[in-house]
Protein backbone atom coordinates (compact mmCIF):
# COMPACT_ATOMS: atom_id res chain seq x y z
CA UNK A 1 0.05 21.60 4.54
CA UNK A 2 0.62 17.58 5.69
CA UNK A 3 3.50 16.74 6.87
CA UNK A 4 5.47 13.56 7.91
CA UNK A 5 8.55 15.37 10.32
CA UNK A 6 10.15 17.80 7.66
CA UNK A 7 8.21 16.16 4.91
CA UNK A 8 5.99 17.66 2.71
CA UNK A 9 2.74 16.27 0.90
CA UNK A 10 0.08 18.36 -0.04
CA UNK A 11 -3.57 19.00 1.72
CA UNK A 12 -4.63 15.84 1.68
CA UNK A 13 -2.49 13.26 0.11
CA UNK A 14 -3.25 10.02 -1.08
CA UNK A 15 -1.07 7.24 -0.38
CA UNK A 16 -0.13 3.40 -1.48
CA UNK A 17 -0.40 1.23 1.34
CA UNK A 18 2.06 -1.64 1.29
CA UNK A 19 1.00 -4.51 -0.11
CA UNK A 20 3.07 -8.24 -0.09
CA UNK A 21 3.47 -9.52 -4.23
CA UNK A 22 1.68 -5.81 -5.34
CA UNK A 23 3.54 -2.73 -4.51
CA UNK A 24 6.92 -3.58 -5.88
CA UNK A 25 8.58 -0.82 -8.11
CA UNK A 26 6.89 -1.58 -11.34
CA UNK A 27 3.16 -1.24 -9.95
CA UNK A 28 4.57 2.18 -7.90
CA UNK A 29 6.01 3.96 -11.16
CA UNK A 30 2.22 3.35 -12.17
CA UNK A 31 0.93 4.54 -9.45
CA UNK A 32 2.85 7.36 -8.81
CA UNK A 33 2.12 8.62 -12.37
CA UNK A 34 -1.49 8.85 -12.03
CA UNK A 35 -1.40 11.24 -9.05
CA UNK A 36 -0.41 9.06 -5.99
CA UNK A 37 1.40 11.34 -2.88
CA UNK A 38 3.32 8.76 -1.41
CA UNK A 39 3.67 5.14 -1.79
CA UNK A 40 5.09 2.17 0.58
CA UNK A 41 7.26 -0.72 -0.16
CA UNK A 42 6.32 -4.10 0.51
CA UNK A 43 6.76 -4.69 3.93
CA UNK A 44 10.13 -6.88 4.63
CA UNK A 45 10.98 -9.01 6.87
CA UNK A 46 13.86 -7.67 9.44
CA UNK A 47 14.91 -10.78 9.74
CA UNK A 48 15.18 -11.28 6.58
CA UNK A 49 16.87 -8.44 6.09
CA UNK A 50 19.58 -8.83 8.75
CA UNK A 51 20.29 -12.38 7.47
CA UNK A 52 20.66 -10.72 3.92
CA UNK A 53 18.28 -12.64 1.95
CA UNK A 54 17.97 -11.73 -1.39
CA UNK A 55 14.05 -11.42 -1.57
CA UNK A 56 14.11 -8.84 1.59
CA UNK A 57 17.24 -7.04 0.33
CA UNK A 58 15.38 -6.84 -3.29
CA UNK A 59 12.48 -5.02 -1.53
CA UNK A 60 14.56 -2.17 -0.46
CA UNK A 61 15.27 -0.79 -4.10
CA UNK A 62 13.66 2.64 -4.84
CA UNK A 63 14.11 4.84 -7.07
CA UNK A 64 13.99 8.56 -7.66
CA UNK A 65 10.85 9.22 -9.61
CA UNK A 66 8.92 6.90 -6.55
CA UNK A 67 9.84 10.00 -4.10
CA UNK A 68 8.76 10.31 -1.28
CA UNK A 69 8.64 7.01 -0.48
CA UNK A 70 8.67 4.67 2.95
CA UNK A 71 9.77 1.16 3.77
CA UNK A 72 8.16 -0.72 5.63
CA UNK A 73 9.08 -3.05 7.91
CA UNK A 74 7.83 -6.19 10.42
CA UNK A 75 9.11 -8.10 13.03
CA UNK A 76 9.11 -8.96 16.64
CA UNK A 77 12.62 -8.66 18.17
CA UNK A 78 13.79 -4.94 19.32
CA UNK A 79 17.58 -5.94 18.24
CA UNK A 80 16.35 -7.29 15.08
CA UNK A 81 14.21 -4.13 14.44
CA UNK A 82 17.15 -1.99 15.05
CA UNK A 83 20.03 -3.85 13.17
CA UNK A 84 17.18 -3.57 9.92
CA UNK A 85 16.12 0.18 10.67
CA UNK A 86 20.22 0.53 10.55
CA UNK A 87 19.77 -1.44 7.10
CA UNK A 88 17.11 0.31 5.96
CA UNK A 89 18.77 3.84 6.91
CA UNK A 90 21.10 3.28 3.79
CA UNK A 91 18.17 2.74 1.51
CA UNK A 92 17.46 6.88 2.38
CA UNK A 93 14.04 6.39 1.87
CA UNK A 94 12.41 9.10 3.37
CA UNK A 95 10.23 7.59 5.86
CA UNK A 96 10.77 4.33 8.24
CA UNK A 97 7.50 2.53 8.82
CA UNK A 98 6.46 0.10 11.35
CA UNK A 99 3.86 -3.33 10.35
CA UNK A 100 1.95 -3.60 13.54
CA UNK A 101 -1.25 -4.87 10.90
CA UNK A 102 -0.39 -7.51 8.70
CA UNK A 103 -3.04 -10.12 9.44
CA UNK A 104 -1.90 -13.07 8.32
CA UNK A 105 -1.21 -15.91 10.22
CA UNK A 106 2.68 -16.69 9.58
CA UNK A 107 3.01 -13.55 10.19
CA UNK A 108 1.06 -12.87 13.77
CA UNK A 109 2.12 -16.42 15.36
CA UNK A 110 5.47 -14.79 16.36
CA UNK A 111 3.74 -11.97 17.86
CA UNK A 112 4.50 -9.70 14.48
CA UNK A 113 2.24 -7.81 12.00
CA UNK A 114 -0.84 -7.54 13.89
CA UNK A 115 0.24 -9.88 16.37
CA UNK A 116 1.88 -7.53 18.52
CA UNK A 117 -1.55 -5.83 19.35
CA UNK A 118 -1.98 -8.95 21.94
CA UNK A 119 0.92 -6.41 23.55
CA UNK A 120 0.19 -3.07 23.50
CA UNK A 121 3.36 -2.10 26.18
CA UNK A 122 5.70 -4.66 23.67
CA UNK A 123 4.49 -2.37 20.81
CA UNK A 124 5.63 0.72 22.73
CA UNK A 125 8.39 -0.03 23.52
CA UNK A 126 9.43 -1.69 20.29
CA UNK A 127 8.44 1.53 18.81
CA UNK A 128 10.18 3.14 21.41
CA UNK A 129 13.68 1.55 20.02
CA UNK A 130 13.34 2.13 16.26
CA UNK A 131 12.26 5.62 16.90
CA UNK A 132 15.80 5.97 19.24
CA UNK A 133 17.49 3.62 16.87
CA UNK A 134 17.32 5.83 13.29
CA UNK A 135 17.43 9.95 11.81
CA UNK A 136 14.64 8.79 9.57
CA UNK A 137 11.08 10.00 10.71
CA UNK A 138 9.25 6.42 12.07
CA UNK A 139 5.42 5.98 11.42
CA UNK A 140 3.55 2.80 12.11
CA UNK A 141 0.83 1.27 9.77
CA UNK A 142 -1.86 -0.55 12.37
CA UNK A 143 -5.56 -1.96 12.95
CA UNK A 144 -8.29 -1.24 15.48
CA UNK A 145 -7.48 -3.91 17.98
CA UNK A 146 -6.70 -8.00 18.17
CA UNK A 147 -10.28 -8.48 18.20
CA UNK A 148 -13.63 -6.55 19.06
CA UNK A 149 -13.04 -6.77 22.78
CA UNK A 150 -9.52 -5.38 22.25
CA UNK A 151 -10.30 -2.14 20.31
CA UNK A 152 -7.60 0.21 22.46
CA UNK A 153 -6.25 2.18 19.05
CA UNK A 154 -7.21 5.59 21.07
CA UNK A 155 -4.54 4.83 23.73
CA UNK A 156 -2.57 3.39 21.41
CA UNK A 157 -2.71 6.28 18.73
CA UNK A 158 -1.69 8.77 21.89
CA UNK A 159 1.28 5.98 23.48
CA UNK A 160 3.01 5.21 20.07
CA UNK A 161 3.26 9.31 19.30
CA UNK A 162 4.22 9.70 22.92
CA UNK A 163 6.90 7.74 21.89
CA UNK A 164 7.96 9.58 18.80
CA UNK A 165 6.19 8.51 15.52
CA UNK A 166 5.56 11.47 13.44
CA UNK A 167 2.06 9.72 11.41
CA UNK A 168 -0.25 6.81 12.04
CA UNK A 169 -2.04 5.06 9.39
CA UNK A 170 -5.05 3.27 10.61
CA UNK A 171 -6.97 0.20 8.94
CA UNK A 172 -10.84 0.35 10.08
CA UNK A 173 -10.79 -3.87 10.75
CA UNK A 174 -9.51 -5.66 13.54
CA UNK A 175 -7.02 -8.75 13.10
CA UNK A 176 -10.51 -10.99 13.61
CA UNK A 177 -11.67 -9.61 10.69
CA UNK A 178 -8.79 -9.97 8.16
CA UNK A 179 -10.27 -8.12 5.28
CA UNK A 180 -13.88 -9.19 6.11
CA UNK A 181 -17.16 -6.91 6.65
CA UNK A 182 -16.81 -3.04 6.79
CA UNK A 183 -13.70 -1.46 7.99
CA UNK A 184 -15.12 0.92 10.72
CA UNK A 185 -13.58 3.96 10.93
CA UNK A 186 -15.40 6.06 14.02
CA UNK A 187 -12.41 5.10 16.01
CA UNK A 188 -9.95 6.72 13.44
CA UNK A 189 -12.23 10.16 13.27
CA UNK A 190 -12.07 9.47 17.08
CA UNK A 191 -8.13 9.38 16.80
CA UNK A 192 -8.05 12.56 14.41
CA UNK A 193 -10.76 14.76 16.78
CA UNK A 194 -8.73 13.78 19.87
CA UNK A 195 -7.31 17.61 20.82
CA UNK A 196 -3.44 15.76 22.30
CA UNK A 197 -3.04 14.17 18.58
CA UNK A 198 -0.87 16.72 16.75
CA UNK A 199 0.60 14.40 13.68
CA UNK A 200 -1.10 13.05 10.77
CA UNK A 201 -3.70 10.61 10.97
CA UNK A 202 -4.47 8.58 7.65
CA UNK A 203 -7.56 6.47 7.53
CA UNK A 204 -7.54 2.97 5.40
CA UNK A 205 -9.74 0.38 3.81
CA UNK A 206 -12.61 0.35 1.84
CA UNK A 207 -11.80 3.16 -0.28
CA UNK A 208 -12.79 2.52 -3.66
CA UNK A 209 -14.21 5.39 -5.14
CA UNK A 210 -14.23 9.19 -5.14
CA UNK A 211 -17.63 9.74 -3.86
CA UNK A 212 -16.65 7.56 -0.89
CA UNK A 213 -12.72 9.18 -0.74
CA UNK A 214 -14.93 12.44 -0.37
CA UNK A 215 -17.72 11.48 2.14
CA UNK A 216 -15.23 9.82 4.65
CA UNK A 217 -12.66 12.87 4.11
CA UNK A 218 -15.43 15.09 5.37
CA UNK A 219 -17.16 12.48 8.26
CA UNK A 220 -14.16 11.42 9.55
CA UNK A 221 -11.69 14.78 9.69
CA UNK A 222 -8.18 12.56 8.34
CA UNK A 223 -5.43 13.89 7.18
CA UNK A 224 -5.18 11.98 4.05
CA UNK A 225 -6.69 8.51 2.68
CA UNK A 226 -4.47 5.11 2.18
CA UNK A 227 -5.53 3.00 -0.49
CA UNK A 228 -5.05 -0.63 -0.57
CA UNK A 229 -6.84 -3.12 -2.79
CA UNK A 230 -9.08 -0.79 -4.79
CA UNK A 231 -5.19 0.02 -6.78
CA UNK A 232 -4.98 -3.31 -7.65
CA UNK A 233 -5.55 -3.47 -11.33
CA UNK A 234 -6.21 0.19 -11.11
CA UNK A 235 -3.91 2.51 -10.43
CA UNK A 236 -6.20 5.25 -12.30
CA UNK A 237 -7.94 5.39 -8.61
CA UNK A 238 -5.79 8.13 -7.54
CA UNK A 239 -6.42 10.57 -10.31
CA UNK A 240 -9.87 10.00 -9.96
CA UNK A 241 -10.42 10.59 -6.42
CA UNK A 242 -8.12 13.68 -7.18
CA UNK A 243 -9.88 15.29 -9.56
CA UNK A 244 -13.33 14.71 -7.79
CA UNK A 245 -11.33 16.14 -4.22
CA UNK A 246 -10.39 19.30 -6.07
CA UNK A 247 -12.98 19.67 -8.41
CA UNK A 248 -15.89 17.59 -7.78
CA UNK A 249 -15.71 16.21 -10.74
CA UNK A 250 -16.33 12.65 -11.87
CA UNK A 251 -13.72 11.73 -14.81
CA UNK A 252 -14.35 8.82 -17.08
CA UNK A 253 -12.40 5.64 -16.31
CA UNK A 254 -9.90 4.63 -18.10
CA UNK A 255 -10.06 4.07 -21.59
CA UNK A 256 -9.63 0.18 -23.21
CA UNK A 257 -6.42 1.66 -24.75
CA UNK A 258 -4.90 3.07 -21.40
CA UNK A 259 -5.35 -0.17 -19.48
CA UNK A 260 -3.28 -2.24 -22.36
CA UNK A 261 -0.71 0.09 -22.41
CA UNK A 262 -0.56 -0.07 -18.44
CA UNK A 263 -0.01 -3.75 -18.51
CA UNK A 264 2.30 -3.71 -21.01
CA UNK A 265 4.29 -1.18 -18.57
CA UNK A 266 3.93 -2.91 -15.97
CA UNK A 267 5.33 -6.62 -17.57
CA UNK A 268 8.04 -4.49 -19.25
CA UNK A 269 9.22 -3.09 -15.66
CA UNK A 270 8.36 -6.43 -14.45
CA UNK A 271 10.83 -8.24 -16.41
CA UNK A 272 13.31 -5.37 -16.12
CA UNK A 273 13.16 -5.36 -12.52
CA UNK A 274 13.00 -9.15 -11.46
CA UNK A 275 14.54 -10.98 -14.36
CA UNK A 276 12.61 -12.08 -17.51
CA UNK A 277 11.53 -15.69 -16.14
CA UNK A 278 10.16 -13.93 -12.53
CA UNK A 279 9.02 -11.02 -14.43
CA UNK A 280 6.89 -12.88 -16.37
CA UNK A 281 5.42 -15.46 -14.26
CA UNK A 282 4.84 -12.62 -11.11
CA UNK A 283 2.67 -10.83 -14.15
CA UNK A 284 0.34 -13.52 -13.67
CA UNK A 285 -1.89 -12.29 -10.71
CA UNK A 286 -2.46 -8.84 -12.52
CA UNK A 287 -4.27 -9.34 -15.45
CA UNK A 288 -7.15 -10.33 -14.36
CA UNK A 289 -7.08 -6.67 -12.27
CA UNK A 290 -6.51 -4.88 -15.46
CA UNK A 291 -9.10 -6.10 -17.91
CA UNK A 292 -12.11 -6.93 -14.55
CA UNK A 293 -15.37 -5.87 -16.85
CA UNK A 294 -14.68 -7.12 -20.04
CA UNK A 295 -16.72 -10.07 -21.41
CA UNK A 296 -15.05 -12.83 -23.07
CA UNK A 297 -11.47 -12.18 -21.68
CA UNK A 298 -10.67 -15.62 -20.01
CA UNK A 299 -9.60 -16.80 -23.75
CA UNK A 300 -7.00 -13.76 -23.85
CA UNK A 301 -6.54 -14.35 -20.15
CA UNK A 302 -5.67 -18.01 -20.30
CA UNK A 303 -3.19 -17.20 -22.94
CA UNK A 304 -1.61 -14.54 -20.79
CA UNK A 305 -0.81 -16.66 -17.98
CA UNK A 306 0.70 -19.29 -19.79
CA UNK A 307 3.12 -17.79 -21.75
CA UNK A 308 6.59 -16.88 -21.02
CA UNK A 309 7.58 -14.92 -23.78
CA UNK A 310 7.64 -11.49 -23.71
CA UNK A 311 7.04 -10.82 -27.55
CA UNK A 312 4.25 -12.89 -27.45
CA UNK A 313 2.85 -11.92 -24.22
CA UNK A 314 2.77 -8.26 -26.38
CA UNK A 315 1.32 -9.86 -29.66
CA UNK A 316 -1.46 -11.37 -27.35
CA UNK A 317 -2.04 -7.94 -25.85
CA UNK A 318 -2.08 -6.55 -29.30
CA UNK A 319 -5.16 -9.11 -30.09
CA UNK A 320 -6.51 -8.18 -26.98
CA UNK A 321 -7.06 -4.73 -28.09
CA UNK A 322 -7.83 -5.49 -31.49
CA UNK A 323 -10.74 -7.56 -30.52
CA UNK A 324 -12.61 -5.50 -28.28
CA UNK A 325 -12.19 -2.27 -30.14
CA UNK A 326 -13.67 -4.05 -33.27
CA UNK A 327 -16.58 -5.39 -30.80
CA UNK A 328 -17.38 -2.58 -28.49
CA UNK A 329 -20.37 -4.93 -27.84
CA UNK A 330 -18.23 -7.19 -26.14
CA UNK A 331 -17.17 -4.96 -23.39
CA UNK A 332 -19.33 -3.42 -20.06
């Protein structure tokens, strides 16, 4: 049984990675329905939280059906991180997660996210301060290092465990790589096999199929897998991986009806959570992913990303479904 503190997550949990502009409550609801064992919020700026910025505060929204869930924060100043941890604790998630992995320039230039990988002692000191300031289990998500010359993740894992974190998720790339090249899980496996390490180690990076999930589970011995980009427009990836891990069964991909129904639900939940106009606009980034692989879909996508009326958007989804069910040759 994999446990984060006293939180039990099953034998081999599948986690939804925190993704900016993706892993919000509407999307998390869909992933939970498809078997995701634990999810994380989008990363939240501690400076935004302590200044009561609307966008940051809204990201604290969590719902009972999502549990267990972790709220992820990022920042570089110890006092701000402590104050943000107090705010997070009031939201009552199961876990507080620290982002030491975001590679985006506007984050790292402030020595937050993956930026702190340039100063490991500060990373450890900041983590220790957060652990001491909250009753929540603290976890960390990070990368292998800043670049290929500074891959100190095996030492980092021990030091973070020693100051009290309860689990570590590792993306198998450096900050310099961003999301390019193939994720290297070798160090992740070494950490898991280190006899000094007793906290759960979750691997992240490039898991995009049930076969690869099983291969990496067996090869590297991780306690679970965190899935990010492969879930965008495809929350079914969780059920597909679980079926293969549990029964060795490759189940059929989602039907067109499931894809359309999920898009409708995502749209409706987005509107409910963000309000009509913002919910409609922010949903636009998802249509391409939900309907990837459909031939001639550009016509429908163009209509979906320019329409503002929810009722008409549902009509367009009706038209899309009718078109592809009447012309099976139009699909791949």
